[in-house]
Amino acid sequence: MKGKKRHWLWNILIILAVIVSILSFMAHYKNWIWKKADRIQILSGIYYIELPFNSMNNVSMVSKIPSLDRKNGFSAWEKEKGIFKDSLNEEKPVYIYVDNLNDQKIKLTYKDSLQLFINLSDSTKTKELYLYLDEKIGAQQTQLKQ
């Protein structure tokens, strides 16, 4: 008795599905941050944002995220990622890229009133990122005063 051979197309589709699943997991399991000379780039799953240092106004550490309505995104275990809307000002989105809800988060205000909340899975790396952003924003504000 001979078994049926699977068509080569199905083998390729299975391999592609596994590769896409692995890449999707890698993109979502942590926040990816690239520091450039004049900006910072953040990839968190399907969410990507590029923030020039000269558009940043304020950075602070907060322990909790305010209550917001989810526009799109997800929550799973200790992660919270997506675009949210404030009930008071619904036209301005609030970006949340949090890997660990229990740790402190960086609250970044940019372009006068837009907000971004971010933290990394490692709290020491979150503090390093906060100090880096604080230094860059301070340097930008010093340049503007001169």
C-alpha atoms as a PDB file:
ATOM      1  CA  MET A   1       0.000   0.000   0.000  1.00  0.00           C
ATOM      2  CA  LYS A   2       1.426   3.334  -1.050  1.00  0.00           C
ATOM      3  CA  GLY A   3       0.842   6.540   0.878  1.00  0.00           C
ATOM      4  CA  LYS A   4      -0.143   9.721  -0.903  1.00  0.00           C
ATOM      5  CA  LYS A   5       2.565  12.277  -1.439  1.00  0.00           C
ATOM      6  CA  ARG A   6       1.844  15.740  -0.183  1.00  0.00           C
ATOM      7  CA  HIS A   7       1.960  18.404  -2.830  1.00  0.00           C
ATOM      8  CA  TRP A   8       5.051  20.667  -2.668  1.00  0.00           C
ATOM      9  CA  LEU A   9       2.859  23.772  -2.404  1.00  0.00           C
ATOM     10  CA  TRP A  10       1.504  22.636   0.990  1.00  0.00           C
ATOM     11  CA  ASN A  11       5.027  22.097   2.288  1.00  0.00           C
ATOM     12  CA  ILE A  12       6.012  25.640   1.300  1.00  0.00           C
ATOM     13  CA  LEU A  13       2.850  27.097   2.888  1.00  0.00           C
ATOM     14  CA  ILE A  14       3.525  25.254   6.162  1.00  0.00           C
ATOM     15  CA  ILE A  15       7.127  26.495   6.270  1.00  0.00           C
ATOM     16  CA  LEU A  16       6.027  30.090   5.504  1.00  0.00           C
ATOM     17  CA  ALA A  17       3.370  29.945   8.242  1.00  0.00           C
ATOM     18  CA  VAL A  18       5.960  28.801  10.790  1.00  0.00           C
ATOM     19  CA  ILE A  19       8.402  31.545   9.730  1.00  0.00           C
ATOM     20  CA  VAL A  20       5.701  34.258   9.942  1.00  0.00           C
ATOM     21  CA  SER A  21       4.654  32.996  13.384  1.00  0.00           C
ATOM     22  CA  ILE A  22       8.232  33.099  14.678  1.00  0.00           C
ATOM     23  CA  LEU A  23       8.805  36.624  13.299  1.00  0.00           C
ATOM     24  CA  SER A  24       5.524  37.827  14.778  1.00  0.00           C
ATOM     25  CA  PHE A  25       6.449  36.435  18.188  1.00  0.00           C
ATOM     26  CA  MET A  26       9.888  38.071  18.042  1.00  0.00           C
ATOM     27  CA  ALA A  27       8.356  41.448  17.182  1.00  0.00           C
ATOM     28  CA  HIS A  28       5.824  41.294  20.040  1.00  0.00           C
ATOM     29  CA  TYR A  29       7.745  39.727  22.895  1.00  0.00           C
ATOM     30  CA  LYS A  30       9.682  42.905  23.686  1.00  0.00           C
ATOM     31  CA  ASN A  31      10.053  46.540  22.704  1.00  0.00           C
ATOM     32  CA  TRP A  32      12.807  47.110  20.164  1.00  0.00           C
ATOM     33  CA  ILE A  33      14.533  50.489  20.510  1.00  0.00           C
ATOM     34  CA  TRP A  34      17.085  52.072  18.193  1.00  0.00           C
ATOM     35  CA  LYS A  35      18.896  55.210  19.339  1.00  0.00           C
ATOM     36  CA  LYS A  36      20.016  57.545  16.579  1.00  0.00           C
ATOM     37  CA  ALA A  37      21.840  60.867  16.857  1.00  0.00           C
ATOM     38  CA  ASP A  38      18.709  62.999  16.426  1.00  0.00           C
ATOM     39  CA  ARG A  39      15.837  60.605  17.155  1.00  0.00           C
ATOM     40  CA  ILE A  40      14.699  57.384  18.762  1.00  0.00           C
ATOM     41  CA  GLN A  41      12.871  54.611  16.928  1.00  0.00           C
ATOM     42  CA  ILE A  42      10.578  52.178  18.737  1.00  0.00           C
ATOM     43  CA  LEU A  43       9.132  48.949  17.336  1.00  0.00           C
ATOM     44  CA  SER A  44       6.619  47.175  19.538  1.00  0.00           C
ATOM     45  CA  GLY A  45       4.893  44.407  17.632  1.00  0.00           C
ATOM     46  CA  ILE A  46       3.120  45.974  14.690  1.00  0.00           C
ATOM     47  CA  TYR A  47       3.443  49.447  16.219  1.00  0.00           C
ATOM     48  CA  TYR A  48       6.314  51.625  15.060  1.00  0.00           C
ATOM     49  CA  ILE A  49       7.031  55.187  16.080  1.00  0.00           C
ATOM     50  CA  GLU A  50       9.934  57.495  15.297  1.00  0.00           C
ATOM     51  CA  LEU A  51      10.434  60.426  17.662  1.00  0.00           C
ATOM     52  CA  PRO A  52      12.897  63.232  16.952  1.00  0.00           C
ATOM     53  CA  PHE A  53      14.443  64.606  20.135  1.00  0.00           C
ATOM     54  CA  ASN A  54      13.491  68.161  19.182  1.00  0.00           C
ATOM     55  CA  SER A  55       9.779  67.234  19.287  1.00  0.00           C
ATOM     56  CA  MET A  56       9.975  65.854  22.850  1.00  0.00           C
ATOM     57  CA  ASN A  57       8.743  68.115  25.639  1.00  0.00           C
ATOM     58  CA  ASN A  58       8.832  66.177  28.879  1.00  0.00           C
ATOM     59  CA  VAL A  59       9.829  62.792  30.259  1.00  0.00           C
ATOM     60  CA  SER A  60       8.948  61.339  33.656  1.00  0.00           C
ATOM     61  CA  MET A  61       8.595  58.028  35.465  1.00  0.00           C
ATOM     62  CA  VAL A  62       5.112  56.910  36.515  1.00  0.00           C
ATOM     63  CA  SER A  63       3.938  53.831  38.365  1.00  0.00           C
ATOM     64  CA  LYS A  64       0.512  53.502  36.723  1.00  0.00           C
ATOM     65  CA  ILE A  65      -1.031  54.131  33.344  1.00  0.00           C
ATOM     66  CA  PRO A  66      -4.196  56.270  33.427  1.00  0.00           C
ATOM     67  CA  SER A  67      -7.527  54.649  32.568  1.00  0.00           C
ATOM     68  CA  LEU A  68      -7.909  54.886  28.810  1.00  0.00           C
ATOM     69  CA  ASP A  69     -10.165  53.401  26.141  1.00  0.00           C
ATOM     70  CA  ARG A  70      -8.445  51.037  23.730  1.00  0.00           C
ATOM     71  CA  LYS A  71      -8.595  52.092  20.109  1.00  0.00           C
ATOM     72  CA  ASN A  72      -6.608  49.059  18.997  1.00  0.00           C
ATOM     73  CA  GLY A  73      -3.994  46.846  20.565  1.00  0.00           C
ATOM     74  CA  PHE A  74      -3.876  44.038  23.083  1.00  0.00           C
ATOM     75  CA  SER A  75      -3.272  43.087  26.694  1.00  0.00           C
ATOM     76  CA  ALA A  76      -1.709  39.766  27.595  1.00  0.00           C
ATOM     77  CA  TRP A  77      -0.335  38.801  31.004  1.00  0.00           C
ATOM     78  CA  GLU A  78       1.879  41.762  31.978  1.00  0.00           C
ATOM     79  CA  LYS A  79       2.035  43.320  28.509  1.00  0.00           C
ATOM     80  CA  GLU A  80      -0.081  46.204  27.261  1.00  0.00           C
ATOM     81  CA  LYS A  81       0.493  47.471  23.735  1.00  0.00           C
ATOM     82  CA  GLY A  82      -1.507  49.591  21.399  1.00  0.00           C
ATOM     83  CA  ILE A  83      -3.058  52.917  20.628  1.00  0.00           C
ATOM     84  CA  PHE A  84      -5.485  54.246  23.212  1.00  0.00           C
ATOM     85  CA  LYS A  85      -7.699  57.306  23.407  1.00  0.00           C
ATOM     86  CA  ASP A  86      -8.190  59.598  26.339  1.00  0.00           C
ATOM     87  CA  SER A  87     -11.810  60.090  27.323  1.00  0.00           C
ATOM     88  CA  LEU A  88     -11.212  63.841  27.745  1.00  0.00           C
ATOM     89  CA  ASN A  89      -9.369  64.439  24.472  1.00  0.00           C
ATOM     90  CA  GLU A  90     -10.456  61.725  22.048  1.00  0.00           C
ATOM     91  CA  GLU A  91      -8.756  63.174  18.982  1.00  0.00           C
ATOM     92  CA  LYS A  92      -5.220  62.728  20.314  1.00  0.00           C
ATOM     93  CA  PRO A  93      -3.962  59.145  20.570  1.00  0.00           C
ATOM     94  CA  VAL A  94      -1.975  57.822  23.521  1.00  0.00           C
ATOM     95  CA  TYR A  95       0.619  55.188  22.629  1.00  0.00           C
ATOM     96  CA  ILE A  96       1.290  52.461  25.188  1.00  0.00           C
ATOM     97  CA  TYR A  97       4.178  50.027  24.715  1.00  0.00           C
ATOM     98  CA  VAL A  98       4.491  48.358  28.108  1.00  0.00           C
ATOM     99  CA  ASP A  99       6.300  45.041  28.563  1.00  0.00           C
ATOM    100  CA  ASN A 100       5.751  44.812  32.324  1.00  0.00           C
ATOM    101  CA  LEU A 101       2.716  46.471  33.924  1.00  0.00           C
ATOM    102  CA  ASN A 102       4.110  45.940  37.431  1.00  0.00           C
ATOM    103  CA  ASP A 103       7.251  48.025  36.849  1.00  0.00           C
ATOM    104  CA  GLN A 104       7.532  51.787  36.469  1.00  0.00           C
ATOM    105  CA  LYS A 105       6.845  53.257  33.058  1.00  0.00           C
ATOM    106  CA  ILE A 106       8.341  56.148  31.152  1.00  0.00           C
ATOM    107  CA  LYS A 107       5.794  58.827  30.288  1.00  0.00           C
ATOM    108  CA  LEU A 108       6.980  60.815  27.308  1.00  0.00           C
ATOM    109  CA  THR A 109       5.155  63.935  26.139  1.00  0.00           C
ATOM    110  CA  TYR A 110       5.977  65.080  22.627  1.00  0.00           C
ATOM    111  CA  LYS A 111       4.628  67.515  20.030  1.00  0.00           C
ATOM    112  CA  ASP A 112       3.154  69.528  22.915  1.00  0.00           C
ATOM    113  CA  SER A 113       0.351  67.147  23.912  1.00  0.00           C
ATOM    114  CA  LEU A 114       0.866  63.621  22.547  1.00  0.00           C
ATOM    115  CA  GLN A 115       1.795  60.955  25.089  1.00  0.00           C
ATOM    116  CA  LEU A 116       3.733  57.711  24.984  1.00  0.00           C
ATOM    117  CA  PHE A 117       4.053  55.243  27.850  1.00  0.00           C
ATOM    118  CA  ILE A 118       6.842  52.694  27.531  1.00  0.00           C
ATOM    119  CA  ASN A 119       8.854  50.315  29.622  1.00  0.00           C
ATOM    120  CA  LEU A 120      11.079  47.361  28.963  1.00  0.00           C
ATOM    121  CA  SER A 121      10.958  43.913  30.504  1.00  0.00           C
ATOM    122  CA  ASP A 122      14.134  44.723  32.460  1.00  0.00           C
ATOM    123  CA  SER A 123      13.618  47.571  34.948  1.00  0.00           C
ATOM    124  CA  THR A 124      17.276  48.631  34.870  1.00  0.00           C
ATOM    125  CA  LYS A 125      17.125  49.062  31.086  1.00  0.00           C
ATOM    126  CA  THR A 126      13.957  51.113  31.542  1.00  0.00           C
ATOM    127  CA  LYS A 127      15.820  53.405  33.951  1.00  0.00           C
ATOM    128  CA  GLU A 128      18.744  53.658  31.519  1.00  0.00           C
ATOM    129  CA  LEU A 129      16.346  54.617  28.727  1.00  0.00           C
ATOM    130  CA  TYR A 130      14.715  57.210  30.997  1.00  0.00           C
ATOM    131  CA  LEU A 131      18.096  58.778  31.846  1.00  0.00           C
ATOM    132  CA  TYR A 132      19.080  58.773  28.162  1.00  0.00           C
ATOM    133  CA  LEU A 133      15.825  60.501  27.130  1.00  0.00           C
ATOM    134  CA  ASP A 134      16.060  62.971  30.016  1.00  0.00           C
ATOM    135  CA  GLU A 135      19.599  63.893  28.952  1.00  0.00           C
ATOM    136  CA  LYS A 136      18.602  64.316  25.300  1.00  0.00           C
ATOM    137  CA  ILE A 137      15.547  66.427  26.109  1.00  0.00           C
ATOM    138  CA  GLY A 138      17.604  68.578  28.484  1.00  0.00           C
ATOM    139  CA  ALA A 139      20.248  69.101  25.790  1.00  0.00           C
ATOM    140  CA  GLN A 140      17.562  70.062  23.227  1.00  0.00           C
ATOM    141  CA  GLN A 141      15.969  72.542  25.610  1.00  0.00           C
ATOM    142  CA  THR A 142      19.370  74.072  26.397  1.00  0.00           C
ATOM    143  CA  GLN A 143      20.019  74.560  22.682  1.00  0.00           C
ATOM    144  CA  LEU A 144      16.646  76.247  22.233  1.00  0.00           C
ATOM    145  CA  LYS A 145      17.357  78.731  25.035  1.00  0.00           C
ATOM    146  CA  GLN A 146      20.629  79.849  23.462  1.00  0.00           C
END
